[in-house]
Amino acid sequence: MPQPIVHGLFCFAMDGFGSRCSARLFLAAVPDAGTAARIHLLASALKRAHRFDGRLVAPERLHISLFALGGLPEVQHCAAWEAAMEVRTAPFEVAFDRTASFRGRPGHHPFVLVGEKGLRALQSFRETFCAALARRGMRRLATTNFTPHVTLLYDAREVGEYPVEPIGWTVKEFVLIRSSNGHEHLVRWPLWV
């Protein structure tokens, strides 16, 4: 079994460090640098077209959130780690073909990439992950609603759905991210069968 590639500090460690850094931990799929640059370029054009004032999400922060782990007790971090080690699937494609505004909090609406057909493999991957979490007693986390998206910016204004030329990438890994002033990629799990 391949071991995850560890970068930086590992928050699931049993020495108590996990409880100090868990507030903004999440698992995500991250685009490669070239795709992130293309998404950022698209977001910039759409920001002008929609006359948004919000700041664009930086290319290195673009991602698809899979599970939020912040605020969970350390024992559940360890269970999530075990579930991540169990998940086996081949790399798969994701593709987004629309933009839309999510409701968000007043004056802070996420403007996002969304899709449908191009995200079925991602939905299937997450269901597999959910089953692994549920086997470890994390049913609440496993049953949270999931609308796959990539947030491009936040703005006071909302807009309806808008078609775009499909944009996507091959998901070859998922990543544990700690969000603070930037995104720190703590652990990477490669996809394999």
C-alpha atoms as a PDB file:
ATOM      1  CA  MET A   1       0.000   0.000   0.000  1.00  0.00           C
ATOM      2  CA  PRO A   2       1.503   3.401  -0.916  1.00  0.00           C
ATOM      3  CA  GLN A   3       2.013   5.711   2.026  1.00  0.00           C
ATOM      4  CA  PRO A   4       0.801   9.334   1.862  1.00  0.00           C
ATOM      5  CA  ILE A   5       3.446  11.901   1.025  1.00  0.00           C
ATOM      6  CA  VAL A   6       3.770  14.109   4.096  1.00  0.00           C
ATOM      7  CA  HIS A   7       4.548  17.803   3.661  1.00  0.00           C
ATOM      8  CA  GLY A   8       5.014  20.096   6.667  1.00  0.00           C
ATOM      9  CA  LEU A   9       3.443  19.382  10.035  1.00  0.00           C
ATOM     10  CA  PHE A  10       1.119  16.432  10.435  1.00  0.00           C
ATOM     11  CA  CYS A  11      -1.927  17.452  12.475  1.00  0.00           C
ATOM     12  CA  PHE A  12      -3.257  13.963  13.062  1.00  0.00           C
ATOM     13  CA  ALA A  13      -0.299  13.081  15.281  1.00  0.00           C
ATOM     14  CA  MET A  14      -1.270  11.643  18.628  1.00  0.00           C
ATOM     15  CA  ASP A  15       0.873  14.128  20.579  1.00  0.00           C
ATOM     16  CA  GLY A  16      -1.986  16.636  20.943  1.00  0.00           C
ATOM     17  CA  PHE A  17      -0.785  18.958  18.185  1.00  0.00           C
ATOM     18  CA  GLY A  18      -3.883  18.077  16.148  1.00  0.00           C
ATOM     19  CA  SER A  19      -6.244  19.701  18.625  1.00  0.00           C
ATOM     20  CA  ARG A  20      -4.323  22.998  18.403  1.00  0.00           C
ATOM     21  CA  CYS A  21      -4.403  23.310  14.598  1.00  0.00           C
ATOM     22  CA  SER A  22      -7.682  21.661  13.669  1.00  0.00           C
ATOM     23  CA  ALA A  23      -9.949  24.707  13.444  1.00  0.00           C
ATOM     24  CA  ARG A  24      -9.439  25.141   9.686  1.00  0.00           C
ATOM     25  CA  LEU A  25      -8.577  21.670   8.452  1.00  0.00           C
ATOM     26  CA  PHE A  26     -10.279  20.143   5.443  1.00  0.00           C
ATOM     27  CA  LEU A  27      -9.792  17.460   2.811  1.00  0.00           C
ATOM     28  CA  ALA A  28      -9.857  18.658  -0.786  1.00  0.00           C
ATOM     29  CA  ALA A  29      -9.100  17.950  -4.428  1.00  0.00           C
ATOM     30  CA  VAL A  30      -6.705  20.559  -5.816  1.00  0.00           C
ATOM     31  CA  PRO A  31      -6.144  21.492  -9.482  1.00  0.00           C
ATOM     32  CA  ASP A  32      -2.675  21.261 -10.966  1.00  0.00           C
ATOM     33  CA  ALA A  33      -0.856  24.593 -11.383  1.00  0.00           C
ATOM     34  CA  GLY A  34      -1.714  24.963 -15.089  1.00  0.00           C
ATOM     35  CA  THR A  35      -5.426  24.354 -14.517  1.00  0.00           C
ATOM     36  CA  ALA A  36      -5.440  26.672 -11.497  1.00  0.00           C
ATOM     37  CA  ALA A  37      -3.955  29.422 -13.683  1.00  0.00           C
ATOM     38  CA  ARG A  38      -6.649  28.842 -16.351  1.00  0.00           C
ATOM     39  CA  ILE A  39      -9.424  28.921 -13.727  1.00  0.00           C
ATOM     40  CA  HIS A  40      -7.998  32.134 -12.287  1.00  0.00           C
ATOM     41  CA  LEU A  41      -7.888  33.715 -15.755  1.00  0.00           C
ATOM     42  CA  LEU A  42     -11.529  32.719 -16.344  1.00  0.00           C
ATOM     43  CA  ALA A  43     -12.499  34.089 -12.925  1.00  0.00           C
ATOM     44  CA  SER A  44     -10.803  37.398 -13.743  1.00  0.00           C
ATOM     45  CA  ALA A  45     -12.757  37.733 -17.016  1.00  0.00           C
ATOM     46  CA  LEU A  46     -16.037  36.835 -15.304  1.00  0.00           C
ATOM     47  CA  LYS A  47     -15.371  39.274 -12.487  1.00  0.00           C
ATOM     48  CA  ARG A  48     -15.162  42.060 -15.061  1.00  0.00           C
ATOM     49  CA  ALA A  49     -18.210  40.773 -16.976  1.00  0.00           C
ATOM     50  CA  HIS A  50     -20.360  40.628 -13.834  1.00  0.00           C
ATOM     51  CA  ARG A  51     -18.874  43.844 -12.379  1.00  0.00           C
ATOM     52  CA  PHE A  52     -17.963  42.163  -9.122  1.00  0.00           C
ATOM     53  CA  ASP A  53     -15.914  44.033  -6.524  1.00  0.00           C
ATOM     54  CA  GLY A  54     -14.759  40.971  -4.570  1.00  0.00           C
ATOM     55  CA  ARG A  55     -11.153  39.789  -4.548  1.00  0.00           C
ATOM     56  CA  LEU A  56     -10.352  36.714  -6.627  1.00  0.00           C
ATOM     57  CA  VAL A  57      -9.298  33.538  -4.845  1.00  0.00           C
ATOM     58  CA  ALA A  58      -5.565  33.101  -5.518  1.00  0.00           C
ATOM     59  CA  PRO A  59      -4.666  30.240  -7.897  1.00  0.00           C
ATOM     60  CA  GLU A  60      -2.839  28.325  -5.160  1.00  0.00           C
ATOM     61  CA  ARG A  61      -5.986  28.383  -2.987  1.00  0.00           C
ATOM     62  CA  LEU A  62      -8.409  26.994  -5.585  1.00  0.00           C
ATOM     63  CA  HIS A  63      -9.845  23.620  -4.555  1.00  0.00           C
ATOM     64  CA  ILE A  64     -12.897  21.377  -4.245  1.00  0.00           C
ATOM     65  CA  SER A  65     -13.719  20.859  -0.563  1.00  0.00           C
ATOM     66  CA  LEU A  66     -14.534  17.239   0.268  1.00  0.00           C
ATOM     67  CA  PHE A  67     -14.840  17.211   4.074  1.00  0.00           C
ATOM     68  CA  ALA A  68     -14.366  19.855   6.765  1.00  0.00           C
ATOM     69  CA  LEU A  69     -12.431  18.455   9.736  1.00  0.00           C
ATOM     70  CA  GLY A  70     -12.133  21.628  11.792  1.00  0.00           C
ATOM     71  CA  GLY A  71     -13.395  21.431  15.344  1.00  0.00           C
ATOM     72  CA  LEU A  72     -13.553  17.635  15.434  1.00  0.00           C
ATOM     73  CA  PRO A  73     -12.067  15.810  18.425  1.00  0.00           C
ATOM     74  CA  GLU A  74      -8.620  14.327  17.887  1.00  0.00           C
ATOM     75  CA  VAL A  75      -9.935  10.756  17.950  1.00  0.00           C
ATOM     76  CA  GLN A  76     -12.060  11.580  14.890  1.00  0.00           C
ATOM     77  CA  HIS A  77      -9.023  13.043  13.125  1.00  0.00           C
ATOM     78  CA  CYS A  78      -7.389   9.666  13.555  1.00  0.00           C
ATOM     79  CA  ALA A  79     -10.510   7.914  12.242  1.00  0.00           C
ATOM     80  CA  ALA A  80     -10.540  10.221   9.206  1.00  0.00           C
ATOM     81  CA  TRP A  81      -6.853   9.414   8.637  1.00  0.00           C
ATOM     82  CA  GLU A  82      -7.652   5.674   8.707  1.00  0.00           C
ATOM     83  CA  ALA A  83     -10.552   6.182   6.291  1.00  0.00           C
ATOM     84  CA  ALA A  84      -8.296   8.148   3.930  1.00  0.00           C
ATOM     85  CA  MET A  85      -5.757   5.304   3.970  1.00  0.00           C
ATOM     86  CA  GLU A  86      -8.512   2.840   3.030  1.00  0.00           C
ATOM     87  CA  VAL A  87      -9.924   4.721   0.016  1.00  0.00           C
ATOM     88  CA  ARG A  88      -8.829   3.183  -3.276  1.00  0.00           C
ATOM     89  CA  THR A  89      -9.863   4.524  -6.641  1.00  0.00           C
ATOM     90  CA  ALA A  90      -8.151   5.262  -9.918  1.00  0.00           C
ATOM     91  CA  PRO A  91      -7.485   8.897 -10.850  1.00  0.00           C
ATOM     92  CA  PHE A  92     -10.560  10.490 -12.428  1.00  0.00           C
ATOM     93  CA  GLU A  93     -11.587  13.556 -14.413  1.00  0.00           C
ATOM     94  CA  VAL A  94     -13.580  16.515 -13.123  1.00  0.00           C
ATOM     95  CA  ALA A  95     -15.102  19.189 -15.360  1.00  0.00           C
ATOM     96  CA  PHE A  96     -17.091  22.317 -14.513  1.00  0.00           C
ATOM     97  CA  ASP A  97     -19.336  23.956 -17.113  1.00  0.00           C
ATOM     98  CA  ARG A  98     -21.250  26.688 -15.284  1.00  0.00           C
ATOM     99  CA  THR A  99     -20.793  29.493 -12.785  1.00  0.00           C
ATOM    100  CA  ALA A 100     -23.292  30.613 -10.173  1.00  0.00           C
ATOM    101  CA  SER A 101     -23.596  32.495  -6.902  1.00  0.00           C
ATOM    102  CA  PHE A 102     -24.294  30.585  -3.713  1.00  0.00           C
ATOM    103  CA  ARG A 103     -26.435  32.253  -1.073  1.00  0.00           C
ATOM    104  CA  GLY A 104     -23.704  32.695   1.561  1.00  0.00           C
ATOM    105  CA  ARG A 105     -23.998  35.235   4.326  1.00  0.00           C
ATOM    106  CA  PRO A 106     -25.329  38.748   3.571  1.00  0.00           C
ATOM    107  CA  GLY A 107     -22.857  40.718   1.475  1.00  0.00           C
ATOM    108  CA  HIS A 108     -20.528  37.724   1.103  1.00  0.00           C
ATOM    109  CA  HIS A 109     -21.868  35.435  -1.639  1.00  0.00           C
ATOM    110  CA  PRO A 110     -19.517  32.799  -3.061  1.00  0.00           C
ATOM    111  CA  PHE A 111     -19.246  32.947  -6.857  1.00  0.00           C
ATOM    112  CA  VAL A 112     -18.365  29.421  -7.925  1.00  0.00           C
ATOM    113  CA  LEU A 113     -17.720  26.939 -10.704  1.00  0.00           C
ATOM    114  CA  VAL A 114     -20.296  24.136 -10.726  1.00  0.00           C
ATOM    115  CA  GLY A 115     -21.193  21.276 -13.016  1.00  0.00           C
ATOM    116  CA  GLU A 116     -23.111  18.044 -13.270  1.00  0.00           C
ATOM    117  CA  LYS A 117     -22.076  15.338 -15.731  1.00  0.00           C
ATOM    118  CA  GLY A 118     -18.391  16.182 -15.362  1.00  0.00           C
ATOM    119  CA  LEU A 119     -18.523  15.649 -11.609  1.00  0.00           C
ATOM    120  CA  ARG A 120     -20.104  12.185 -11.381  1.00  0.00           C
ATOM    121  CA  ALA A 121     -16.769  10.435 -10.771  1.00  0.00           C
ATOM    122  CA  LEU A 122     -16.038  12.918  -7.978  1.00  0.00           C
ATOM    123  CA  GLN A 123     -19.451  12.225  -6.426  1.00  0.00           C
ATOM    124  CA  SER A 124     -18.718   8.492  -6.592  1.00  0.00           C
ATOM    125  CA  PHE A 125     -15.282   8.997  -5.000  1.00  0.00           C
ATOM    126  CA  ARG A 126     -16.817  10.970  -2.145  1.00  0.00           C
ATOM    127  CA  GLU A 127     -19.470   8.295  -1.581  1.00  0.00           C
ATOM    128  CA  THR A 128     -16.680   5.716  -1.257  1.00  0.00           C
ATOM    129  CA  PHE A 129     -14.937   7.984   1.242  1.00  0.00           C
ATOM    130  CA  CYS A 130     -18.223   8.484   3.143  1.00  0.00           C
ATOM    131  CA  ALA A 131     -18.634   4.712   3.487  1.00  0.00           C
ATOM    132  CA  ALA A 132     -15.111   4.463   4.947  1.00  0.00           C
ATOM    133  CA  LEU A 133     -15.898   7.273   7.409  1.00  0.00           C
ATOM    134  CA  ALA A 134     -19.209   5.684   8.411  1.00  0.00           C
ATOM    135  CA  ARG A 135     -17.446   2.398   9.186  1.00  0.00           C
ATOM    136  CA  ARG A 136     -15.377   4.357  11.692  1.00  0.00           C
ATOM    137  CA  GLY A 137     -18.362   5.909  13.432  1.00  0.00           C
ATOM    138  CA  MET A 138     -18.277   9.231  11.588  1.00  0.00           C
ATOM    139  CA  ARG A 139     -21.755   9.056  10.101  1.00  0.00           C
ATOM    140  CA  ARG A 140     -22.500  12.744  10.727  1.00  0.00           C
ATOM    141  CA  LEU A 141     -19.486  13.852   8.677  1.00  0.00           C
ATOM    142  CA  ALA A 142     -20.274  11.237   6.035  1.00  0.00           C
ATOM    143  CA  THR A 143     -23.858  12.420   5.544  1.00  0.00           C
ATOM    144  CA  THR A 144     -23.219  16.152   5.169  1.00  0.00           C
ATOM    145  CA  ASN A 145     -24.588  17.704   1.968  1.00  0.00           C
ATOM    146  CA  PHE A 146     -22.116  17.940  -0.881  1.00  0.00           C
ATOM    147  CA  THR A 147     -22.341  20.314  -3.826  1.00  0.00           C
ATOM    148  CA  PRO A 148     -19.014  20.066  -5.650  1.00  0.00           C
ATOM    149  CA  HIS A 149     -17.720  23.498  -6.577  1.00  0.00           C
ATOM    150  CA  VAL A 150     -14.631  25.692  -6.858  1.00  0.00           C
ATOM    151  CA  THR A 151     -15.014  29.116  -5.249  1.00  0.00           C
ATOM    152  CA  LEU A 152     -13.681  31.902  -7.486  1.00  0.00           C
ATOM    153  CA  LEU A 153     -14.446  34.948  -5.317  1.00  0.00           C
ATOM    154  CA  TYR A 154     -16.871  36.352  -2.753  1.00  0.00           C
ATOM    155  CA  ASP A 155     -19.024  39.373  -3.561  1.00  0.00           C
ATOM    156  CA  ALA A 156     -21.906  41.419  -2.202  1.00  0.00           C
ATOM    157  CA  ARG A 157     -23.866  40.739  -5.392  1.00  0.00           C
ATOM    158  CA  GLU A 158     -25.447  37.486  -6.553  1.00  0.00           C
ATOM    159  CA  VAL A 159     -25.821  36.328 -10.163  1.00  0.00           C
ATOM    160  CA  GLY A 160     -27.667  33.425 -11.727  1.00  0.00           C
ATOM    161  CA  GLU A 161     -26.129  30.423 -13.460  1.00  0.00           C
ATOM    162  CA  TYR A 162     -23.929  31.225 -16.434  1.00  0.00           C
ATOM    163  CA  PRO A 163     -22.541  28.630 -18.892  1.00  0.00           C
ATOM    164  CA  VAL A 164     -18.777  28.520 -19.471  1.00  0.00           C
ATOM    165  CA  GLU A 165     -16.482  26.453 -21.649  1.00  0.00           C
ATOM    166  CA  PRO A 166     -15.868  23.261 -19.619  1.00  0.00           C
ATOM    167  CA  ILE A 167     -12.743  23.461 -17.510  1.00  0.00           C
ATOM    168  CA  GLY A 168     -11.313  20.637 -15.425  1.00  0.00           C
ATOM    169  CA  TRP A 169      -8.408  18.379 -14.565  1.00  0.00           C
ATOM    170  CA  THR A 170      -7.467  14.828 -13.639  1.00  0.00           C
ATOM    171  CA  VAL A 171      -7.738  14.292  -9.894  1.00  0.00           C
ATOM    172  CA  LYS A 172      -4.702  12.185  -8.963  1.00  0.00           C
ATOM    173  CA  GLU A 173      -4.689  12.800  -5.205  1.00  0.00           C
ATOM    174  CA  PHE A 174      -6.583  14.374  -2.368  1.00  0.00           C
ATOM    175  CA  VAL A 175      -4.998  16.678   0.162  1.00  0.00           C
ATOM    176  CA  LEU A 176      -5.290  17.622   3.825  1.00  0.00           C
ATOM    177  CA  ILE A 177      -5.212  21.423   3.922  1.00  0.00           C
ATOM    178  CA  ARG A 178      -4.829  23.799   6.831  1.00  0.00           C
ATOM    179  CA  SER A 179      -6.209  27.231   5.975  1.00  0.00           C
ATOM    180  CA  SER A 180      -4.796  30.245   7.749  1.00  0.00           C
ATOM    181  CA  ASN A 181      -3.164  33.169   5.931  1.00  0.00           C
ATOM    182  CA  GLY A 182      -2.692  30.768   3.016  1.00  0.00           C
ATOM    183  CA  HIS A 183      -3.268  27.102   2.316  1.00  0.00           C
ATOM    184  CA  GLU A 184      -0.744  24.693   3.779  1.00  0.00           C
ATOM    185  CA  HIS A 185      -0.861  21.244   2.216  1.00  0.00           C
ATOM    186  CA  LEU A 186      -0.116  18.959   5.150  1.00  0.00           C
ATOM    187  CA  VAL A 187      -0.657  15.484   3.677  1.00  0.00           C
ATOM    188  CA  ARG A 188      -1.276  14.128   0.172  1.00  0.00           C
ATOM    189  CA  TRP A 189      -2.931  10.786  -0.572  1.00  0.00           C
ATOM    190  CA  PRO A 190      -2.338   9.560  -4.136  1.00  0.00           C
ATOM    191  CA  LEU A 191      -5.260   7.840  -5.865  1.00  0.00           C
ATOM    192  CA  TRP A 192      -4.621   4.246  -6.856  1.00  0.00           C
ATOM    193  CA  VAL A 193      -6.438   0.922  -7.214  1.00  0.00           C
END
